[in-house]
PDB file of all heavy atoms in Angstrom:
ATOM      1  N   GLU A   1      -9.317   8.117   6.473  1.00  0.00           N
ATOM      2  CA  GLU A   1      -8.558   8.174   5.235  1.00  0.00           C
ATOM      3  C   GLU A   1      -7.118   7.723   5.387  1.00  0.00           C
ATOM      4  O   GLU A   1      -6.580   7.077   4.519  1.00  0.00           O
ATOM      5  CB  GLU A   1      -8.625   9.590   4.646  1.00  0.00           C
ATOM      6  CG  GLU A   1     -10.035   9.945   4.150  1.00  0.00           C
ATOM      7  CD  GLU A   1     -10.099  11.358   3.629  1.00  0.00           C
ATOM      8  OE1 GLU A   1      -9.044  12.064   3.533  1.00  0.00           O
ATOM      9  OE2 GLU A   1     -11.235  11.811   3.265  1.00  0.00           O
ATOM     10  N   LEU A   2      -6.517   8.077   6.513  1.00  0.00           N
ATOM     11  CA  LEU A   2      -5.162   7.574   6.805  1.00  0.00           C
ATOM     12  C   LEU A   2      -5.153   6.073   6.921  1.00  0.00           C
ATOM     13  O   LEU A   2      -4.268   5.381   6.395  1.00  0.00           O
ATOM     14  CB  LEU A   2      -4.639   8.191   8.122  1.00  0.00           C
ATOM     15  CG  LEU A   2      -4.162   9.649   8.085  1.00  0.00           C
ATOM     16  CD1 LEU A   2      -3.845  10.117   9.437  1.00  0.00           C
ATOM     17  CD2 LEU A   2      -3.022   9.881   7.112  1.00  0.00           C
ATOM     18  N   GLN A   3      -6.195   5.509   7.548  1.00  0.00           N
ATOM     19  CA  GLN A   3      -6.216   4.055   7.721  1.00  0.00           C
ATOM     20  C   GLN A   3      -6.431   3.371   6.353  1.00  0.00           C
ATOM     21  O   GLN A   3      -5.836   2.357   6.072  1.00  0.00           O
ATOM     22  CB  GLN A   3      -7.380   3.659   8.663  1.00  0.00           C
ATOM     23  CG  GLN A   3      -7.496   2.189   8.958  1.00  0.00           C
ATOM     24  CD  GLN A   3      -6.194   1.635   9.625  1.00  0.00           C
ATOM     25  OE1 GLN A   3      -5.798   2.144  10.621  1.00  0.00           O
ATOM     26  NE2 GLN A   3      -5.640   0.589   9.027  1.00  0.00           N
ATOM     27  N   ALA A   4      -7.221   3.974   5.498  1.00  0.00           N
ATOM     28  CA  ALA A   4      -7.455   3.406   4.190  1.00  0.00           C
ATOM     29  C   ALA A   4      -6.163   3.367   3.350  1.00  0.00           C
ATOM     30  O   ALA A   4      -5.883   2.420   2.600  1.00  0.00           O
ATOM     31  CB  ALA A   4      -8.540   4.209   3.439  1.00  0.00           C
ATOM     32  N   ILE A   5      -5.380   4.434   3.502  1.00  0.00           N
ATOM     33  CA  ILE A   5      -4.079   4.467   2.796  1.00  0.00           C
ATOM     34  C   ILE A   5      -3.149   3.402   3.389  1.00  0.00           C
ATOM     35  O   ILE A   5      -2.428   2.747   2.592  1.00  0.00           O
ATOM     36  CB  ILE A   5      -3.448   5.866   2.911  1.00  0.00           C
ATOM     37  CG1 ILE A   5      -4.323   6.908   2.184  1.00  0.00           C
ATOM     38  CG2 ILE A   5      -2.064   5.850   2.287  1.00  0.00           C
ATOM     39  CD1 ILE A   5      -3.872   8.355   2.471  1.00  0.00           C
ATOM     40  N   TRP A   6      -3.130   3.283   4.714  1.00  0.00           N
ATOM     41  CA  TRP A   6      -2.296   2.225   5.311  1.00  0.00           C
ATOM     42  C   TRP A   6      -2.725   0.840   4.820  1.00  0.00           C
ATOM     43  O   TRP A   6      -1.837   0.009   4.475  1.00  0.00           O
ATOM     44  CB  TRP A   6      -2.374   2.293   6.818  1.00  0.00           C
ATOM     45  CG  TRP A   6      -1.426   1.352   7.522  1.00  0.00           C
ATOM     46  CD1 TRP A   6      -0.155   1.717   8.006  1.00  0.00           C
ATOM     47  CD2 TRP A   6      -1.569  -0.004   7.786  1.00  0.00           C
ATOM     48  NE1 TRP A   6       0.429   0.606   8.538  1.00  0.00           N
ATOM     49  CE2 TRP A   6      -0.392  -0.472   8.418  1.00  0.00           C
ATOM     50  CE3 TRP A   6      -2.621  -0.922   7.569  1.00  0.00           C
ATOM     51  CZ2 TRP A   6      -0.228  -1.808   8.853  1.00  0.00           C
ATOM     52  CZ3 TRP A   6      -2.445  -2.237   8.013  1.00  0.00           C
ATOM     53  CH2 TRP A   6      -1.268  -2.659   8.652  1.00  0.00           C
ATOM     54  N   ASP A   7      -4.001   0.615   4.668  1.00  0.00           N
ATOM     55  CA  ASP A   7      -4.477  -0.663   4.204  1.00  0.00           C
ATOM     56  C   ASP A   7      -4.010  -0.895   2.789  1.00  0.00           C
ATOM     57  O   ASP A   7      -3.644  -2.025   2.405  1.00  0.00           O
ATOM     58  CB  ASP A   7      -6.058  -0.702   4.229  1.00  0.00           C
ATOM     59  CG  ASP A   7      -6.625  -0.748   5.674  1.00  0.00           C
ATOM     60  OD1 ASP A   7      -5.812  -1.125   6.554  1.00  0.00           O
ATOM     61  OD2 ASP A   7      -7.784  -0.387   5.826  1.00  0.00           O
ATOM     62  N   ARG A   8      -3.988   0.121   1.987  1.00  0.00           N
ATOM     63  CA  ARG A   8      -3.521   0.050   0.614  1.00  0.00           C
ATOM     64  C   ARG A   8      -2.024  -0.296   0.582  1.00  0.00           C
ATOM     65  O   ARG A   8      -1.559  -1.091  -0.263  1.00  0.00           O
ATOM     66  CB  ARG A   8      -3.787   1.337  -0.158  1.00  0.00           C
ATOM     67  CG  ARG A   8      -3.358   1.382  -1.598  1.00  0.00           C
ATOM     68  CD  ARG A   8      -4.262   2.305  -2.410  1.00  0.00           C
ATOM     69  NE  ARG A   8      -4.322   3.673  -1.845  1.00  0.00           N
ATOM     70  CZ  ARG A   8      -3.492   4.618  -2.217  1.00  0.00           C
ATOM     71  NH1 ARG A   8      -2.593   4.452  -3.110  1.00  0.00           N
ATOM     72  NH2 ARG A   8      -3.668   5.865  -1.654  1.00  0.00           N
ATOM     73  N   MET A   9      -1.253   0.337   1.448  1.00  0.00           N
ATOM     74  CA  MET A   9       0.150   0.034   1.604  1.00  0.00           C
ATOM     75  C   MET A   9       0.342  -1.472   1.926  1.00  0.00           C
ATOM     76  O   MET A   9       1.225  -2.113   1.309  1.00  0.00           O
ATOM     77  CB  MET A   9       0.803   0.893   2.628  1.00  0.00           C
ATOM     78  CG  MET A   9       0.927   2.363   2.299  1.00  0.00           C
ATOM     79  SD  MET A   9       1.571   3.349   3.708  1.00  0.00           S
ATOM     80  CE  MET A   9       3.234   2.653   3.872  1.00  0.00           C
ATOM     81  N   ASN A  10      -0.417  -1.966   2.848  1.00  0.00           N
ATOM     82  CA  ASN A  10      -0.300  -3.376   3.300  1.00  0.00           C
ATOM     83  C   ASN A  10      -0.591  -4.277   2.153  1.00  0.00           C
ATOM     84  O   ASN A  10       0.015  -5.337   1.921  1.00  0.00           O
ATOM     85  CB  ASN A  10      -1.186  -3.591   4.479  1.00  0.00           C
ATOM     86  CG  ASN A  10      -0.823  -4.903   5.183  1.00  0.00           C
ATOM     87  OD1 ASN A  10       0.334  -5.178   5.409  1.00  0.00           O
ATOM     88  ND2 ASN A  10      -1.841  -5.700   5.513  1.00  0.00           N
ATOM     89  N   GLU A  11      -1.615  -3.966   1.386  1.00  0.00           N
ATOM     90  CA  GLU A  11      -2.030  -4.796   0.169  1.00  0.00           C
ATOM     91  C   GLU A  11      -0.886  -4.847  -0.783  1.00  0.00           C
ATOM     92  O   GLU A  11      -0.594  -5.884  -1.405  1.00  0.00           O
ATOM     93  CB  GLU A  11      -3.270  -4.277  -0.404  1.00  0.00           C
ATOM     94  CG  GLU A  11      -4.519  -4.457   0.435  1.00  0.00           C
ATOM     95  CD  GLU A  11      -5.711  -3.680  -0.085  1.00  0.00           C
ATOM     96  OE1 GLU A  11      -5.613  -2.997  -1.165  1.00  0.00           O
ATOM     97  OE2 GLU A  11      -6.781  -3.729   0.562  1.00  0.00           O
ATOM     98  N   CYS A  12      -0.239  -3.716  -1.041  1.00  0.00           N
ATOM     99  CA  CYS A  12       0.880  -3.672  -1.973  1.00  0.00           C
ATOM    100  C   CYS A  12       2.078  -4.484  -1.454  1.00  0.00           C
ATOM    101  O   CYS A  12       2.779  -5.106  -2.256  1.00  0.00           O
ATOM    102  CB  CYS A  12       1.334  -2.204  -2.201  1.00  0.00           C
ATOM    103  SG  CYS A  12       0.133  -1.219  -3.161  1.00  0.00           S
ATOM    104  N   LYS A  13       2.234  -4.459  -0.138  1.00  0.00           N
ATOM    105  CA  LYS A  13       3.345  -5.264   0.400  1.00  0.00           C
ATOM    106  C   LYS A  13       3.097  -6.736   0.155  1.00  0.00           C
ATOM    107  O   LYS A  13       3.989  -7.501  -0.227  1.00  0.00           O
ATOM    108  CB  LYS A  13       3.462  -5.015   1.922  1.00  0.00           C
ATOM    109  CG  LYS A  13       4.458  -5.939   2.573  1.00  0.00           C
ATOM    110  CD  LYS A  13       3.949  -6.297   3.970  1.00  0.00           C
ATOM    111  CE  LYS A  13       4.749  -7.450   4.557  1.00  0.00           C
ATOM    112  NZ  LYS A  13       4.245  -7.933   5.786  1.00  0.00           N
ATOM    113  N   ILE A  14       1.861  -7.185   0.333  1.00  0.00           N
ATOM    114  CA  ILE A  14       1.490  -8.573   0.107  1.00  0.00           C
ATOM    115  C   ILE A  14       1.743  -8.968  -1.340  1.00  0.00           C
ATOM    116  O   ILE A  14       2.213 -10.079  -1.643  1.00  0.00           O
ATOM    117  CB  ILE A  14      -0.002  -8.828   0.520  1.00  0.00           C
ATOM    118  CG1 ILE A  14      -0.115  -8.663   2.059  1.00  0.00           C
ATOM    119  CG2 ILE A  14      -0.424 -10.185   0.095  1.00  0.00           C
ATOM    120  CD1 ILE A  14      -1.555  -8.600   2.514  1.00  0.00           C
ATOM    121  N   ARG A  15       1.446  -8.058  -2.281  1.00  0.00           N
ATOM    122  CA  ARG A  15       1.632  -8.302  -3.706  1.00  0.00           C
ATOM    123  C   ARG A  15       3.075  -8.074  -4.121  1.00  0.00           C
ATOM    124  O   ARG A  15       3.383  -8.248  -5.296  1.00  0.00           O
ATOM    125  CB  ARG A  15       0.694  -7.460  -4.527  1.00  0.00           C
ATOM    126  CG  ARG A  15      -0.763  -7.685  -4.285  1.00  0.00           C
ATOM    127  CD  ARG A  15      -1.576  -7.054  -5.407  1.00  0.00           C
ATOM    128  NE  ARG A  15      -1.304  -5.678  -5.593  1.00  0.00           N
ATOM    129  CZ  ARG A  15      -1.942  -4.642  -5.042  1.00  0.00           C
ATOM    130  NH1 ARG A  15      -2.970  -4.923  -4.181  1.00  0.00           N
ATOM    131  NH2 ARG A  15      -1.658  -3.434  -5.279  1.00  0.00           N
ATOM    132  N   LEU A  16       3.933  -7.553  -3.222  1.00  0.00           N
ATOM    133  CA  LEU A  16       5.303  -7.145  -3.576  1.00  0.00           C
ATOM    134  C   LEU A  16       5.282  -6.097  -4.663  1.00  0.00           C
ATOM    135  O   LEU A  16       6.139  -6.105  -5.587  1.00  0.00           O
ATOM    136  CB  LEU A  16       6.132  -8.362  -3.998  1.00  0.00           C
ATOM    137  CG  LEU A  16       6.313  -9.488  -2.967  1.00  0.00           C
ATOM    138  CD1 LEU A  16       7.153 -10.641  -3.512  1.00  0.00           C
ATOM    139  CD2 LEU A  16       6.908  -8.900  -1.690  1.00  0.00           C
ATOM    140  N   ASP A  17       4.337  -5.211  -4.543  1.00  0.00           N
ATOM    141  CA  ASP A  17       4.186  -4.105  -5.503  1.00  0.00           C
ATOM    142  C   ASP A  17       4.915  -2.869  -4.937  1.00  0.00           C
ATOM    143  O   ASP A  17       4.285  -2.062  -4.299  1.00  0.00           O
ATOM    144  CB  ASP A  17       2.681  -3.858  -5.745  1.00  0.00           C
ATOM    145  CG  ASP A  17       2.441  -2.717  -6.655  1.00  0.00           C
ATOM    146  OD1 ASP A  17       3.396  -2.121  -7.255  1.00  0.00           O
ATOM    147  OD2 ASP A  17       1.203  -2.356  -6.849  1.00  0.00           O
ATOM    148  N   SER A  18       6.164  -2.748  -5.221  1.00  0.00           N
ATOM    149  CA  SER A  18       6.926  -1.649  -4.662  1.00  0.00           C
ATOM    150  C   SER A  18       6.495  -0.286  -5.216  1.00  0.00           C
ATOM    151  O   SER A  18       6.519   0.701  -4.467  1.00  0.00           O
ATOM    152  CB  SER A  18       8.433  -1.825  -4.887  1.00  0.00           C
ATOM    153  OG  SER A  18       8.721  -1.913  -6.267  1.00  0.00           O
ATOM    154  N   LYS A  19       6.089  -0.224  -6.473  1.00  0.00           N
ATOM    155  CA  LYS A  19       5.659   1.017  -7.101  1.00  0.00           C
ATOM    156  C   LYS A  19       4.371   1.475  -6.389  1.00  0.00           C
ATOM    157  O   LYS A  19       4.212   2.644  -6.006  1.00  0.00           O
ATOM    158  CB  LYS A  19       5.435   0.846  -8.564  1.00  0.00           C
ATOM    159  CG  LYS A  19       5.065   2.133  -9.271  1.00  0.00           C
ATOM    160  CD  LYS A  19       4.958   1.920 -10.832  1.00  0.00           C
ATOM    161  CE  LYS A  19       4.719   3.235 -11.531  1.00  0.00           C
ATOM    162  NZ  LYS A  19       3.358   3.809 -11.173  1.00  0.00           N
ATOM    163  N   GLY A  20       3.378   0.580  -6.269  1.00  0.00           N
ATOM    164  CA  GLY A  20       2.156   0.943  -5.603  1.00  0.00           C
ATOM    165  C   GLY A  20       2.345   1.280  -4.158  1.00  0.00           C
ATOM    166  O   GLY A  20       1.708   2.201  -3.653  1.00  0.00           O
ATOM    167  N   PHE A  21       3.243   0.570  -3.528  1.00  0.00           N
ATOM    168  CA  PHE A  21       3.568   0.855  -2.093  1.00  0.00           C
ATOM    169  C   PHE A  21       4.127   2.286  -1.966  1.00  0.00           C
ATOM    170  O   PHE A  21       3.718   3.029  -1.093  1.00  0.00           O
ATOM    171  CB  PHE A  21       4.561  -0.148  -1.602  1.00  0.00           C
ATOM    172  CG  PHE A  21       4.830  -0.066  -0.091  1.00  0.00           C
ATOM    173  CD1 PHE A  21       4.093  -0.865   0.812  1.00  0.00           C
ATOM    174  CD2 PHE A  21       5.771   0.826   0.415  1.00  0.00           C
ATOM    175  CE1 PHE A  21       4.342  -0.797   2.174  1.00  0.00           C
ATOM    176  CE2 PHE A  21       5.997   0.896   1.798  1.00  0.00           C
ATOM    177  CZ  PHE A  21       5.269   0.087   2.673  1.00  0.00           C
ATOM    178  N   GLY A  22       5.065   2.632  -2.898  1.00  0.00           N
ATOM    179  CA  GLY A  22       5.627   3.975  -2.825  1.00  0.00           C
ATOM    180  C   GLY A  22       4.606   5.050  -3.048  1.00  0.00           C
ATOM    181  O   GLY A  22       4.639   6.087  -2.383  1.00  0.00           O
ATOM    182  N   GLU A  23       3.679   4.841  -3.979  1.00  0.00           N
ATOM    183  CA  GLU A  23       2.641   5.841  -4.204  1.00  0.00           C
ATOM    184  C   GLU A  23       1.752   5.981  -2.990  1.00  0.00           C
ATOM    185  O   GLU A  23       1.395   7.104  -2.593  1.00  0.00           O
ATOM    186  CB  GLU A  23       1.785   5.420  -5.440  1.00  0.00           C
ATOM    187  CG  GLU A  23       2.583   5.482  -6.748  1.00  0.00           C
ATOM    188  CD  GLU A  23       1.857   4.888  -7.923  1.00  0.00           C
ATOM    189  OE1 GLU A  23       0.768   4.287  -7.701  1.00  0.00           O
ATOM    190  OE2 GLU A  23       2.338   4.999  -9.049  1.00  0.00           O
ATOM    191  N   ALA A  24       1.390   4.874  -2.386  1.00  0.00           N
ATOM    192  CA  ALA A  24       0.532   4.929  -1.211  1.00  0.00           C
ATOM    193  C   ALA A  24       1.268   5.527  -0.010  1.00  0.00           C
ATOM    194  O   ALA A  24       0.702   6.331   0.744  1.00  0.00           O
ATOM    195  CB  ALA A  24       0.006   3.478  -0.814  1.00  0.00           C
TER     196      ALA A  24
END
């Protein structure tokens, strides 16, 4: 589950989605 959250953070970084990154 930690790895899945990290993957979500990385995806948000690629999209420059700061809000989604913060939530993740």
